Amino acid sequence: MSLSIESVEKIANLARISLSKQDIPLYTHHLSDILSFVDQMNSVDTSDIIPMAHPLDAVAWLRADVVSETNQRDHFQTLAPQVDAGLYVVPKVIE
């Protein structure tokens, strides 16, 4: 797929990218090459390929769901400036 200079200028405008006039032909060439490569990749038959969740087919090792820390709420609330019924009291910020 080949892009025109006008297309690249429009893409740059939509992306809010400032391109100088002498750089536009280079960007046109590079973007056209990228789109040609994508077209080439789309032409590959992948109907027999099973989709993978991870490119390395890695397995996520899960840890046991057990409590590993002690409850220190009372200790942390003694350090707070203001606490009410076990909750931290903060200044109202929305009227």
N, C-alpha and C. Protein backbone atom coordinates (compact mmCIF):
# COMPACT_ATOMS: atom_id res chain seq x y z
N MET A 1 0.85 -1.17 0.00
CA MET A 1 0.00 0.00 0.00
C MET A 1 0.90 1.23 0.00
N SER A 2 0.57 2.15 -0.84
CA SER A 2 1.38 3.36 -0.97
C SER A 2 0.55 4.57 -0.53
N LEU A 3 1.16 5.37 0.31
CA LEU A 3 0.50 6.59 0.78
C LEU A 3 0.91 7.77 -0.10
N SER A 4 0.03 8.71 -0.22
CA SER A 4 0.36 9.93 -0.93
C SER A 4 0.90 10.97 0.06
N ILE A 5 1.53 11.98 -0.47
CA ILE A 5 2.05 13.05 0.37
C ILE A 5 0.91 13.74 1.11
N GLU A 6 -0.22 13.89 0.42
CA GLU A 6 -1.39 14.52 1.06
C GLU A 6 -1.89 13.69 2.24
N SER A 7 -1.85 12.36 2.10
CA SER A 7 -2.28 11.48 3.20
C SER A 7 -1.37 11.63 4.41
N VAL A 8 -0.08 11.70 4.17
CA VAL A 8 0.87 11.85 5.27
C VAL A 8 0.68 13.21 5.95
N GLU A 9 0.44 14.25 5.17
CA GLU A 9 0.18 15.56 5.76
C GLU A 9 -1.09 15.53 6.61
N LYS A 10 -2.12 14.83 6.13
CA LYS A 10 -3.36 14.74 6.89
C LYS A 10 -3.16 13.94 8.18
N ILE A 11 -2.41 12.82 8.09
CA ILE A 11 -2.11 12.02 9.28
C ILE A 11 -1.33 12.83 10.29
N ALA A 12 -0.34 13.58 9.82
CA ALA A 12 0.46 14.42 10.72
C ALA A 12 -0.41 15.48 11.39
N ASN A 13 -1.33 16.05 10.64
CA ASN A 13 -2.24 17.05 11.20
C ASN A 13 -3.14 16.42 12.27
N LEU A 14 -3.69 15.24 11.98
CA LEU A 14 -4.56 14.58 12.96
C LEU A 14 -3.80 14.19 14.22
N ALA A 15 -2.52 13.80 14.04
CA ALA A 15 -1.69 13.41 15.18
C ALA A 15 -1.06 14.62 15.87
N ARG A 16 -1.31 15.81 15.32
CA ARG A 16 -0.74 17.05 15.85
C ARG A 16 0.79 16.99 15.87
N ILE A 17 1.35 16.46 14.75
CA ILE A 17 2.79 16.38 14.59
C ILE A 17 3.20 17.39 13.52
N SER A 18 4.19 18.19 13.83
CA SER A 18 4.68 19.18 12.88
C SER A 18 5.78 18.55 12.04
N LEU A 19 5.58 18.50 10.74
CA LEU A 19 6.58 17.97 9.82
C LEU A 19 7.05 19.08 8.90
N SER A 20 8.36 19.12 8.66
CA SER A 20 8.87 20.10 7.70
C SER A 20 8.61 19.58 6.29
N LYS A 21 8.56 20.48 5.33
CA LYS A 21 8.25 20.11 3.94
C LYS A 21 9.29 19.14 3.37
N GLN A 22 10.57 19.27 3.77
CA GLN A 22 11.58 18.38 3.22
C GLN A 22 11.53 16.99 3.85
N ASP A 23 10.91 16.83 5.03
CA ASP A 23 10.81 15.52 5.67
C ASP A 23 9.61 14.71 5.20
N ILE A 24 8.62 15.35 4.61
CA ILE A 24 7.39 14.65 4.23
C ILE A 24 7.64 13.52 3.23
N PRO A 25 8.47 13.68 2.19
CA PRO A 25 8.71 12.53 1.30
C PRO A 25 9.35 11.34 2.01
N LEU A 26 10.26 11.59 2.95
CA LEU A 26 10.88 10.51 3.70
C LEU A 26 9.84 9.78 4.55
N TYR A 27 9.00 10.52 5.25
CA TYR A 27 7.95 9.90 6.05
C TYR A 27 6.96 9.15 5.17
N THR A 28 6.66 9.69 4.02
CA THR A 28 5.75 9.01 3.08
C THR A 28 6.33 7.66 2.69
N HIS A 29 7.62 7.63 2.39
CA HIS A 29 8.28 6.39 1.99
C HIS A 29 8.28 5.38 3.14
N HIS A 30 8.66 5.83 4.34
CA HIS A 30 8.73 4.92 5.49
C HIS A 30 7.35 4.39 5.87
N LEU A 31 6.35 5.24 5.92
CA LEU A 31 5.00 4.78 6.27
C LEU A 31 4.45 3.83 5.22
N SER A 32 4.73 4.07 3.94
CA SER A 32 4.30 3.17 2.88
C SER A 32 4.97 1.81 3.03
N ASP A 33 6.25 1.80 3.40
CA ASP A 33 6.95 0.53 3.64
C ASP A 33 6.34 -0.24 4.80
N ILE A 34 5.99 0.46 5.85
CA ILE A 34 5.36 -0.19 7.01
C ILE A 34 4.03 -0.80 6.62
N LEU A 35 3.21 -0.05 5.90
CA LEU A 35 1.90 -0.57 5.48
C LEU A 35 2.06 -1.74 4.51
N SER A 36 3.06 -1.72 3.66
CA SER A 36 3.31 -2.84 2.77
C SER A 36 3.71 -4.08 3.57
N PHE A 37 4.51 -3.89 4.60
CA PHE A 37 4.90 -5.01 5.45
C PHE A 37 3.68 -5.59 6.19
N VAL A 38 2.79 -4.74 6.66
CA VAL A 38 1.57 -5.22 7.32
C VAL A 38 0.71 -6.00 6.33
N ASP A 39 0.60 -5.52 5.10
CA ASP A 39 -0.14 -6.27 4.07
C ASP A 39 0.50 -7.62 3.82
N GLN A 40 1.82 -7.67 3.82
CA GLN A 40 2.53 -8.93 3.62
C GLN A 40 2.24 -9.88 4.78
N MET A 41 2.22 -9.37 5.99
CA MET A 41 1.92 -10.21 7.16
C MET A 41 0.47 -10.70 7.12
N ASN A 42 -0.45 -9.87 6.65
CA ASN A 42 -1.85 -10.27 6.56
C ASN A 42 -2.07 -11.36 5.53
N SER A 43 -1.18 -11.50 4.56
CA SER A 43 -1.36 -12.52 3.53
C SER A 43 -0.94 -13.91 3.99
N VAL A 44 -0.30 -14.03 5.14
CA VAL A 44 0.13 -15.32 5.66
C VAL A 44 -1.08 -16.09 6.17
N ASP A 45 -1.15 -17.38 5.81
CA ASP A 45 -2.26 -18.22 6.25
C ASP A 45 -2.03 -18.65 7.70
N THR A 46 -2.86 -18.18 8.61
CA THR A 46 -2.74 -18.53 10.03
C THR A 46 -3.93 -19.33 10.51
N SER A 47 -4.65 -19.97 9.59
CA SER A 47 -5.86 -20.70 9.98
C SER A 47 -5.55 -21.91 10.85
N ASP A 48 -4.35 -22.50 10.72
CA ASP A 48 -4.00 -23.67 11.53
C ASP A 48 -3.22 -23.32 12.79
N ILE A 49 -3.07 -22.04 13.06
CA ILE A 49 -2.30 -21.59 14.22
C ILE A 49 -3.25 -21.38 15.39
N ILE A 50 -2.90 -21.97 16.53
CA ILE A 50 -3.72 -21.80 17.74
C ILE A 50 -3.27 -20.52 18.44
N PRO A 51 -4.20 -19.61 18.74
CA PRO A 51 -3.83 -18.37 19.43
C PRO A 51 -3.23 -18.66 20.81
N MET A 52 -2.26 -17.85 21.18
CA MET A 52 -1.60 -18.01 22.47
C MET A 52 -1.90 -16.82 23.36
N ALA A 53 -1.95 -17.05 24.64
CA ALA A 53 -2.17 -15.96 25.59
C ALA A 53 -0.86 -15.21 25.84
N HIS A 54 0.26 -15.86 25.60
CA HIS A 54 1.57 -15.27 25.85
C HIS A 54 2.53 -15.78 24.79
N PRO A 55 3.38 -14.94 24.22
CA PRO A 55 4.26 -15.41 23.14
C PRO A 55 5.25 -16.49 23.56
N LEU A 56 5.58 -16.56 24.83
CA LEU A 56 6.51 -17.58 25.31
C LEU A 56 5.77 -18.77 25.92
N ASP A 57 4.44 -18.75 25.84
CA ASP A 57 3.60 -19.81 26.41
C ASP A 57 3.93 -20.04 27.89
N ALA A 58 4.18 -18.93 28.59
CA ALA A 58 4.55 -19.00 30.00
C ALA A 58 3.32 -19.27 30.87
N VAL A 59 3.59 -19.87 32.01
CA VAL A 59 2.53 -20.18 32.97
C VAL A 59 2.72 -19.26 34.17
N ALA A 60 1.65 -18.63 34.59
CA ALA A 60 1.71 -17.76 35.76
C ALA A 60 1.63 -18.61 37.02
N TRP A 61 2.67 -18.52 37.82
CA TRP A 61 2.69 -19.27 39.06
C TRP A 61 1.95 -18.47 40.12
N LEU A 62 0.93 -19.05 40.69
CA LEU A 62 0.12 -18.36 41.68
C LEU A 62 0.56 -18.80 43.07
N ARG A 63 0.59 -17.86 43.98
CA ARG A 63 0.92 -18.20 45.35
C ARG A 63 -0.36 -18.55 46.09
N ALA A 64 -0.20 -19.21 47.19
CA ALA A 64 -1.37 -19.57 48.00
C ALA A 64 -2.00 -18.30 48.56
N ASP A 65 -3.32 -18.27 48.64
CA ASP A 65 -4.03 -17.11 49.13
C ASP A 65 -4.13 -17.19 50.66
N VAL A 66 -3.03 -16.83 51.31
CA VAL A 66 -2.98 -16.88 52.77
C VAL A 66 -2.52 -15.51 53.27
N VAL A 67 -2.90 -15.17 54.48
CA VAL A 67 -2.51 -13.91 55.10
C VAL A 67 -1.05 -14.02 55.49
N SER A 68 -0.25 -13.03 55.03
CA SER A 68 1.17 -13.05 55.36
C SER A 68 1.58 -11.87 56.23
N GLU A 69 0.70 -10.92 56.41
CA GLU A 69 0.99 -9.75 57.23
C GLU A 69 0.04 -9.71 58.42
N THR A 70 0.51 -9.16 59.51
CA THR A 70 -0.36 -9.02 60.68
C THR A 70 -1.19 -7.74 60.54
N ASN A 71 -2.32 -7.71 61.22
CA ASN A 71 -3.21 -6.55 61.18
C ASN A 71 -2.61 -5.45 62.07
N GLN A 72 -2.21 -4.35 61.45
CA GLN A 72 -1.61 -3.23 62.18
C GLN A 72 -2.49 -1.98 62.11
N ARG A 73 -3.79 -2.17 61.90
CA ARG A 73 -4.68 -1.03 61.74
C ARG A 73 -4.66 -0.13 62.97
N ASP A 74 -4.75 -0.72 64.15
CA ASP A 74 -4.77 0.10 65.36
C ASP A 74 -3.48 0.91 65.50
N HIS A 75 -2.37 0.31 65.18
CA HIS A 75 -1.10 1.03 65.27
C HIS A 75 -1.07 2.21 64.29
N PHE A 76 -1.48 1.98 63.03
CA PHE A 76 -1.47 3.05 62.03
C PHE A 76 -2.48 4.14 62.35
N GLN A 77 -3.60 3.78 62.95
CA GLN A 77 -4.59 4.80 63.28
C GLN A 77 -4.16 5.65 64.47
N THR A 78 -3.26 5.15 65.28
CA THR A 78 -2.74 6.01 66.36
C THR A 78 -1.86 7.11 65.78
N LEU A 79 -1.32 6.89 64.58
CA LEU A 79 -0.47 7.90 63.94
C LEU A 79 -1.28 8.91 63.14
N ALA A 80 -2.54 8.59 62.83
CA ALA A 80 -3.38 9.47 62.01
C ALA A 80 -3.83 10.68 62.81
N PRO A 81 -3.99 11.83 62.13
CA PRO A 81 -4.42 13.03 62.85
C PRO A 81 -5.84 12.92 63.39
N GLN A 82 -6.74 12.23 62.66
CA GLN A 82 -8.12 12.13 63.13
C GLN A 82 -8.73 10.82 62.64
N VAL A 83 -9.35 10.09 63.58
CA VAL A 83 -9.98 8.79 63.29
C VAL A 83 -11.35 8.79 63.94
N ASP A 84 -12.33 8.19 63.25
CA ASP A 84 -13.67 8.08 63.81
C ASP A 84 -14.23 6.71 63.46
N ALA A 85 -14.54 5.92 64.46
CA ALA A 85 -15.14 4.59 64.31
C ALA A 85 -14.29 3.69 63.40
N GLY A 86 -12.96 3.77 63.57
CA GLY A 86 -12.07 2.92 62.79
C GLY A 86 -11.79 3.43 61.38
N LEU A 87 -12.26 4.62 61.03
CA LEU A 87 -12.05 5.18 59.70
C LEU A 87 -11.21 6.45 59.81
N TYR A 88 -10.41 6.70 58.79
CA TYR A 88 -9.60 7.92 58.74
C TYR A 88 -10.52 9.08 58.33
N VAL A 89 -10.43 10.18 59.06
CA VAL A 89 -11.23 11.36 58.75
C VAL A 89 -10.33 12.33 57.99
N VAL A 90 -10.83 12.75 56.81
CA VAL A 90 -10.07 13.67 55.96
C VAL A 90 -10.92 14.91 55.69
N PRO A 91 -10.29 16.03 55.35
CA PRO A 91 -11.07 17.23 55.07
C PRO A 91 -11.94 17.04 53.80
N LYS A 92 -13.10 17.68 53.81
CA LYS A 92 -13.98 17.64 52.65
C LYS A 92 -13.38 18.49 51.55
N VAL A 93 -13.28 17.91 50.34
CA VAL A 93 -12.67 18.65 49.24
C VAL A 93 -13.68 19.00 48.15
N ILE A 94 -14.86 18.41 48.18
CA ILE A 94 -15.90 18.70 47.20
C ILE A 94 -17.06 19.35 47.91
N GLU A 95 -17.49 20.48 47.38
CA GLU A 95 -18.60 21.21 48.01
C GLU A 95 -19.91 20.61 47.59
